[in-house]
Amino acid sequence: MRIVITSATTAEWMPIFVNVNELYTGKSSRLKLQFYQSGVGLLASSVAITRLAIEERPDLIIQAGIAGSFSKKYAPGQIVVVNNEMLGDTGVEERGDWKDIFDMKLEKGSYHPFEKRKLPNPWIKQYNLMNLPMVDGITVNQVTTQPARIAALKKKYGAAVESMEGASLHYVGRETGIPFIQIRAISNYVGERDKSKWLLKESIEGLNKVLLEYVDKLYNVK
């Protein structure tokens, strides 16, 4: 089984890169593990993950990274997996109302790879080996900071977390048929710009601890 762990930045997977069992990166014929940096944002990550999917054809792509939380239920430091991804800022704002590409009739919510305007992960039950909480996410190119915008996104999409790359993984995975899973560590609440209140270091450490355990489980799956 060929596995790729990808993140926007190397910092998000560096702890597992230096600590993972060398069996998985060199000696094992049962599980081959690689690491891949996609770059930050929807554009860079879409191109990178598409190239990865076409050129490498891995058996599983794991996108690992941090995320902001819209909900007190998912506090900084918690680890989640994303079930449905949605596009959070692709559209237009008119007279204070946010309209996405589906509202504007530029895309049909039922056309592949979308289902009911979402990008669900069809492999999530198979690959959520750690039984992590499953949440819905939105992907944005501009990190959300304004209270009114946060309220509008929560009302429209009901997502629990926000990232800048999640939809690229779901879109490419669904288009190519390559299984994937998106594992996120909550580093902060959406809108909180006081970095002293973020758990950036702790969330990355927790994320990589889970990744180490996750790879061990993958290796032992019959």
Protein backbone atom coordinates (compact mmCIF):
# COMPACT_ATOMS: atom_id res chain seq x y z
CA MET A 1 0.00 0.00 0.00
CA ARG A 2 1.43 3.36 -1.07
CA ILE A 3 0.55 6.22 1.28
CA VAL A 4 1.29 9.93 0.87
CA ILE A 5 0.99 12.43 3.71
CA THR A 6 0.56 15.93 2.31
CA SER A 7 0.35 19.30 4.03
CA ALA A 8 0.40 22.92 2.99
CA THR A 9 3.72 23.38 4.79
CA THR A 10 6.47 20.98 5.82
CA ALA A 11 6.09 22.13 9.44
CA GLU A 12 2.73 20.37 9.64
CA TRP A 13 4.22 16.91 8.93
CA MET A 14 7.84 17.37 10.00
CA PRO A 15 7.44 15.69 13.44
CA ILE A 16 6.21 12.43 11.91
CA PHE A 17 8.78 12.71 9.11
CA VAL A 18 11.65 12.61 11.63
CA ASN A 19 10.06 10.10 14.01
CA VAL A 20 8.24 7.58 11.84
CA ASN A 21 9.39 3.97 11.78
CA GLU A 22 11.96 3.62 8.99
CA LEU A 23 10.25 0.38 8.06
CA TYR A 24 7.49 2.41 6.41
CA THR A 25 9.78 4.70 4.41
CA GLY A 26 12.24 2.16 3.11
CA LYS A 27 12.16 -1.51 4.02
CA SER A 28 8.50 -2.50 4.03
CA SER A 29 6.89 -3.83 0.88
CA ARG A 30 3.55 -3.83 2.67
CA LEU A 31 3.36 -0.07 3.31
CA LYS A 32 5.34 2.63 1.55
CA LEU A 33 5.09 6.11 3.08
CA GLN A 34 5.98 9.37 1.33
CA PHE A 35 5.66 13.03 2.27
CA TYR A 36 4.54 15.86 0.03
CA GLN A 37 4.23 19.63 0.45
CA SER A 38 1.31 21.11 -1.47
CA GLY A 39 1.72 24.82 -0.79
CA VAL A 40 -0.73 27.18 0.88
CA GLY A 41 -4.20 27.91 -0.48
CA LEU A 42 -6.69 26.36 -2.84
CA LEU A 43 -4.81 27.17 -6.06
CA ALA A 44 -1.38 25.81 -5.10
CA SER A 45 -2.75 22.75 -3.34
CA SER A 46 -5.11 21.87 -6.22
CA VAL A 47 -2.25 21.86 -8.71
CA ALA A 48 0.08 19.96 -6.37
CA ILE A 49 -2.44 17.29 -5.39
CA THR A 50 -3.53 16.82 -9.00
CA ARG A 51 0.10 16.26 -10.00
CA LEU A 52 0.54 13.87 -7.09
CA ALA A 53 -2.56 11.89 -8.05
CA ILE A 54 -1.66 11.61 -11.72
CA GLU A 55 2.06 10.95 -11.41
CA GLU A 56 2.17 8.78 -8.27
CA ARG A 57 -1.29 7.13 -8.13
CA PRO A 58 -1.02 6.39 -4.39
CA ASP A 59 -3.45 4.06 -2.66
CA LEU A 60 -4.29 6.68 -0.05
CA ILE A 61 -3.67 10.42 0.30
CA ILE A 62 -3.66 11.79 3.84
CA GLN A 63 -4.00 15.55 4.07
CA ALA A 64 -2.77 16.66 7.49
CA GLY A 65 -2.91 20.20 8.77
CA ILE A 66 -4.27 22.76 11.17
CA ALA A 67 -7.70 24.38 11.01
CA GLY A 68 -9.80 27.03 12.65
CA SER A 69 -12.95 26.03 14.50
CA PHE A 70 -16.37 27.65 14.23
CA SER A 71 -17.71 25.69 17.19
CA LYS A 72 -16.90 25.60 20.91
CA LYS A 73 -17.54 21.86 20.59
CA TYR A 74 -14.23 21.54 18.78
CA ALA A 75 -11.70 23.39 20.88
CA PRO A 76 -8.06 24.16 20.05
CA GLY A 77 -5.96 21.04 20.39
CA GLN A 78 -8.67 18.64 19.26
CA ILE A 79 -8.12 16.36 16.25
CA VAL A 80 -10.90 15.76 13.71
CA VAL A 81 -11.46 14.27 10.28
CA VAL A 82 -13.42 16.15 7.62
CA ASN A 83 -16.36 14.39 6.03
CA ASN A 84 -17.93 17.01 3.73
CA GLU A 85 -15.95 19.90 2.26
CA MET A 86 -17.53 23.06 0.86
CA LEU A 87 -16.27 26.12 -0.99
CA GLY A 88 -16.59 29.00 1.44
CA ASP A 89 -15.62 32.04 -0.60
CA THR A 90 -16.14 31.22 -4.27
CA GLY A 91 -18.94 33.50 -5.36
CA VAL A 92 -20.14 37.09 -4.95
CA GLU A 93 -21.47 39.33 -2.20
CA GLU A 94 -24.48 41.39 -3.29
CA ARG A 95 -26.25 43.87 -1.03
CA GLY A 96 -24.81 42.15 1.99
CA ASP A 97 -25.91 38.68 0.91
CA TRP A 98 -23.36 35.98 0.11
CA LYS A 99 -24.09 33.93 -3.03
CA ASP A 100 -21.89 31.02 -3.98
CA ILE A 101 -21.50 29.43 -7.41
CA PHE A 102 -24.56 27.23 -6.83
CA ASP A 103 -26.77 30.18 -5.88
CA MET A 104 -25.52 31.97 -9.00
CA LYS A 105 -26.38 28.96 -11.21
CA LEU A 106 -22.78 28.73 -12.37
CA GLU A 107 -22.54 25.15 -11.09
CA LYS A 108 -25.11 22.49 -10.33
CA GLY A 109 -24.92 21.10 -6.84
CA SER A 110 -25.63 17.57 -8.04
CA TYR A 111 -22.96 17.48 -10.77
CA HIS A 112 -19.87 15.38 -10.10
CA PRO A 113 -17.75 15.77 -8.08
CA PHE A 114 -20.34 17.62 -5.97
CA GLU A 115 -23.23 16.05 -4.07
CA LYS A 116 -25.82 18.45 -2.73
CA ARG A 117 -23.30 21.29 -3.10
CA LYS A 118 -20.75 19.41 -1.01
CA LEU A 119 -17.63 17.34 -1.61
CA PRO A 120 -18.12 14.31 0.65
CA ASN A 121 -15.43 11.75 1.35
CA PRO A 122 -16.82 8.35 0.24
CA TRP A 123 -13.93 6.53 1.96
CA ILE A 124 -14.18 8.18 5.37
CA LYS A 125 -15.72 5.21 7.19
CA GLN A 126 -13.13 2.87 5.73
CA TYR A 127 -10.15 5.04 6.62
CA ASN A 128 -11.19 6.78 9.85
CA LEU A 129 -9.18 4.14 11.69
CA MET A 130 -8.77 6.26 14.84
CA ASN A 131 -12.53 6.90 15.12
CA LEU A 132 -11.89 10.62 15.21
CA PRO A 133 -14.85 13.02 15.28
CA MET A 134 -16.20 13.57 11.77
CA VAL A 135 -17.00 17.18 10.90
CA ASP A 136 -17.89 19.31 7.91
CA GLY A 137 -15.42 21.91 6.66
CA ILE A 138 -15.24 24.90 4.39
CA THR A 139 -12.24 25.96 2.34
CA VAL A 140 -11.41 29.63 1.93
CA ASN A 141 -8.67 31.60 0.22
CA GLN A 142 -8.99 34.44 2.69
CA VAL A 143 -8.98 33.49 6.36
CA THR A 144 -12.23 34.64 7.95
CA THR A 145 -11.84 37.39 10.55
CA GLN A 146 -14.96 39.60 10.53
CA PRO A 147 -17.81 38.69 12.94
CA ALA A 148 -20.53 39.32 10.35
CA ARG A 149 -18.78 37.13 7.81
CA ILE A 150 -18.26 34.38 10.37
CA ALA A 151 -21.96 34.45 11.27
CA ALA A 152 -22.97 34.32 7.59
CA LEU A 153 -20.73 31.33 6.87
CA LYS A 154 -21.96 29.45 9.93
CA LYS A 155 -25.57 30.06 8.96
CA LYS A 156 -25.15 29.14 5.29
CA TYR A 157 -22.84 26.12 5.52
CA GLY A 158 -23.01 24.83 9.10
CA ALA A 159 -19.37 23.83 8.93
CA ALA A 160 -17.35 23.11 12.05
CA VAL A 161 -13.90 23.93 10.70
CA GLU A 162 -12.17 26.17 8.17
CA SER A 163 -9.00 25.54 6.17
CA MET A 164 -7.34 26.82 3.01
CA GLU A 165 -6.70 23.49 1.24
CA GLY A 166 -9.32 20.89 2.20
CA ALA A 167 -11.58 21.22 -0.83
CA SER A 168 -8.66 20.65 -3.19
CA LEU A 169 -8.07 17.20 -1.69
CA HIS A 170 -11.75 16.24 -1.82
CA TYR A 171 -12.22 17.56 -5.35
CA VAL A 172 -9.16 15.81 -6.77
CA GLY A 173 -9.76 12.60 -4.85
CA ARG A 174 -13.35 12.35 -6.05
CA GLU A 175 -12.35 13.17 -9.64
CA THR A 176 -9.51 10.61 -9.78
CA GLY A 177 -11.05 7.92 -7.61
CA ILE A 178 -8.05 7.89 -5.26
CA PRO A 179 -9.03 7.30 -1.60
CA PHE A 180 -8.21 10.14 0.78
CA ILE A 181 -8.69 11.32 4.32
CA GLN A 182 -8.32 14.81 5.73
CA ILE A 183 -7.06 14.95 9.31
CA ARG A 184 -7.07 18.35 11.02
CA ALA A 185 -5.87 19.69 14.35
CA ILE A 186 -7.78 22.67 15.69
CA SER A 187 -5.29 25.47 16.36
CA ASN A 188 -7.69 28.34 17.04
CA TYR A 189 -11.25 29.59 16.83
CA VAL A 190 -12.17 31.26 13.55
CA GLY A 191 -11.87 35.03 13.95
CA GLU A 192 -9.43 34.94 16.85
CA ARG A 193 -6.42 36.99 15.70
CA ASP A 194 -4.60 37.11 19.03
CA LYS A 195 -1.95 34.48 18.31
CA SER A 196 -1.18 34.12 22.02
CA LYS A 197 -4.55 32.35 22.31
CA TRP A 198 -3.74 29.89 19.53
CA LEU A 199 -2.42 26.41 20.25
CA LEU A 200 -0.31 26.21 17.12
CA LYS A 201 2.64 24.27 18.53
CA GLU A 202 0.42 22.00 20.60
CA SER A 203 -1.98 21.28 17.75
CA ILE A 204 0.84 20.29 15.39
CA GLU A 205 2.34 18.03 18.06
CA GLY A 206 -1.05 16.41 18.68
CA LEU A 207 -1.68 16.02 14.97
CA ASN A 208 1.61 14.23 14.42
CA LYS A 209 1.08 11.96 17.40
CA VAL A 210 -2.18 10.86 15.81
CA LEU A 211 -0.47 10.44 12.44
CA LEU A 212 2.16 8.14 13.95
CA GLU A 213 -0.56 5.98 15.49
CA TYR A 214 -2.59 6.12 12.29
CA VAL A 215 0.25 4.81 10.12
CA ASP A 216 0.82 1.94 12.57
CA LYS A 217 -2.86 1.04 12.27
CA LEU A 218 -2.69 1.16 8.48
CA TYR A 219 0.26 -1.21 8.54
CA ASN A 220 -1.61 -3.68 10.71
CA VAL A 221 -4.89 -3.61 8.77
CA LYS A 222 -5.48 -7.07 7.32
